[in-house]
Protein backbone atom coordinates (compact mmCIF):
# COMPACT_ATOMS: atom_id res chain seq x y z
CA MET A 1 21.54 7.24 3.14
CA ALA A 2 17.86 7.97 2.07
CA ILE A 3 15.03 6.31 4.21
CA ASN A 4 13.32 3.65 2.02
CA LYS A 5 9.79 4.48 2.83
CA LEU A 6 7.13 5.78 0.28
CA HIS A 7 4.52 8.80 1.21
CA ASP A 8 1.63 6.83 2.32
CA GLU A 9 -1.32 8.99 3.22
CA PHE A 10 -3.85 7.70 5.81
CA HIS A 11 -5.55 4.55 4.61
CA GLY A 12 -7.55 1.66 6.12
CA LEU A 13 -5.57 -1.57 7.15
CA ASP A 14 -6.90 -5.10 6.53
CA MET A 15 -6.46 -6.41 9.81
CA ALA A 16 -7.32 -10.04 8.64
CA ASP A 17 -4.89 -10.29 5.65
CA GLY A 18 -1.29 -9.95 4.89
CA TRP A 19 -0.03 -11.20 8.19
CA GLN A 20 3.20 -13.53 7.99
CA LEU A 21 5.44 -15.37 10.44
CA PRO A 22 8.05 -12.77 11.78
CA GLU A 23 11.90 -13.71 11.65
CA GLY A 24 12.96 -15.22 15.12
CA TYR A 25 9.51 -16.82 16.01
CA ALA A 26 8.77 -20.64 15.65
CA PRO A 27 6.37 -21.71 13.33
CA GLY A 28 3.08 -22.66 14.69
CA SER A 29 3.77 -20.17 17.73
CA GLY A 30 0.81 -17.97 16.34
CA ALA A 31 3.22 -14.80 16.37
CA GLN A 32 2.41 -12.69 13.17
CA GLU A 33 3.70 -9.56 11.69
CA LEU A 34 2.06 -7.05 9.15
CA ILE A 35 4.63 -4.71 7.56
CA LEU A 36 3.32 -1.20 7.10
CA SER A 37 6.25 0.59 5.48
CA GLY A 38 9.70 -0.01 4.40
CA ALA A 39 12.10 -2.90 4.63
CA LEU A 40 14.90 -3.75 6.64
CA ASP A 41 17.96 -5.16 4.82
CA THR A 42 19.84 -7.01 7.59
CA ASP A 43 22.43 -8.44 5.29
CA ASN A 44 23.67 -4.70 4.40
CA LYS A 45 22.71 -3.37 7.50
CA ARG A 46 20.62 -0.43 6.13
CA GLY A 47 16.89 0.40 5.82
CA SER A 48 13.93 0.83 8.06
CA ARG A 49 10.58 -0.77 8.37
CA THR A 50 7.47 -0.20 10.49
CA ARG A 51 5.32 -3.03 11.51
CA LEU A 52 2.53 -4.57 13.45
CA LEU A 53 3.52 -7.73 15.62
CA ARG A 54 0.73 -9.73 17.05
CA LEU A 55 1.28 -12.30 19.45
CA PRO A 56 -1.71 -14.63 20.45
CA ALA A 57 -3.20 -15.27 23.91
CA GLY A 58 -0.83 -17.76 25.85
CA MET A 59 2.21 -17.42 23.51
CA TYR A 60 5.53 -16.93 25.18
CA THR A 61 9.20 -17.07 23.83
CA THR A 62 11.85 -18.88 25.63
CA LYS A 63 15.04 -17.02 24.97
CA PRO A 64 16.17 -13.33 24.55
CA PHE A 65 16.25 -11.57 21.51
CA VAL A 66 19.12 -9.31 20.06
CA HIS A 67 19.73 -7.50 16.95
CA ASP A 68 21.85 -5.01 15.26
CA TYR A 69 19.42 -2.29 14.55
CA TRP A 70 17.29 0.25 16.51
CA GLU A 71 14.04 -0.93 17.68
CA GLU A 72 11.12 1.15 18.97
CA VAL A 73 7.93 -0.71 20.36
CA PHE A 74 4.69 0.56 21.46
CA LEU A 75 2.12 -1.68 22.95
CA VAL A 76 -1.09 -0.59 21.40
CA GLU A 77 -3.35 -3.10 23.12
CA GLY A 78 -3.29 -6.24 25.17
CA ASP A 79 -0.85 -7.40 27.67
CA LEU A 80 3.11 -8.12 27.35
CA THR A 81 5.24 -9.64 30.13
CA VAL A 82 8.86 -8.91 29.66
CA GLY A 83 11.49 -11.37 31.24
CA ASN A 84 9.70 -14.68 31.66
CA ASP A 85 11.49 -17.80 32.14
CA ASP A 86 11.71 -20.79 29.66
CA LYS A 87 8.30 -21.95 31.05
CA GLY A 88 6.63 -18.81 30.55
CA GLU A 89 6.68 -18.06 34.43
CA GLY A 90 7.63 -14.55 35.87
CA GLY A 91 8.59 -11.37 34.41
CA LYS A 92 7.04 -7.90 34.54
CA PRO A 93 3.77 -7.35 32.99
CA PHE A 94 2.76 -4.19 30.95
CA GLU A 95 -0.65 -3.30 29.46
CA GLY A 96 -1.46 -1.09 26.39
CA TYR A 97 0.09 2.36 26.09
CA THR A 98 3.73 1.32 27.04
CA TYR A 99 6.99 2.10 25.04
CA ALA A 100 10.42 0.92 24.85
CA VAL A 101 13.41 1.99 22.59
CA ARG A 102 16.33 -0.29 22.27
CA PRO A 103 19.76 0.46 20.89
CA PRO A 104 21.62 -2.18 18.58
CA GLY A 105 22.98 -5.13 20.71
CA ALA A 106 20.53 -4.60 23.56
CA TRP A 107 19.36 -7.96 24.84
CA HIS A 108 15.48 -8.10 25.55
CA GLY A 109 12.69 -10.55 26.46
CA PRO A 110 11.80 -13.46 26.56
CA PHE A 111 8.14 -12.16 26.13
CA LYS A 112 4.59 -13.68 26.82
CA SER A 113 1.21 -12.58 26.40
CA ASN A 114 -1.63 -13.82 28.64
CA GLU A 115 -4.48 -12.38 26.46
CA GLY A 116 -2.70 -11.37 23.29
CA CYS A 117 -1.38 -8.30 22.17
CA VAL A 118 -0.70 -6.01 19.25
CA LEU A 119 2.80 -4.07 19.14
CA LEU A 120 3.71 -1.02 16.78
CA GLU A 121 7.50 -1.56 16.02
CA VAL A 122 9.91 0.64 13.95
CA HIS A 123 13.17 -0.99 13.10
CA TYR A 124 16.18 0.99 11.71
CA TYR A 125 19.80 0.99 11.18
CA ASP A 126 21.92 4.15 11.87
CA PRO A 127 22.20 6.17 8.60
CA ALA A 128 25.80 5.78 7.21
């Protein structure tokens, strides 16, 4: 199976436009994604995408996440706490320049950000 990404040389990003609510986040949470490349077809379990995920200051999730694709995450800027409870308390804090890779089926989170953060994420299915 071919990767569904186009050749796209260095170019500026509009960091103010094109953001949308990511799947799995509540409307009004303030979480936003900006798809940089590719697409993920979760119905047919194929494809790959690269995105920026932006979490606003004070936002937290209350339940762990799990999905059936690989996920690589790089914390570009800000802070991210992993493993907080459903009130946003506790967990292990991280700052920029930290990385995680998760295989399909790995439970992770919940997450919170005290000051806000930007994550670079790559999601993909194993090639058939």
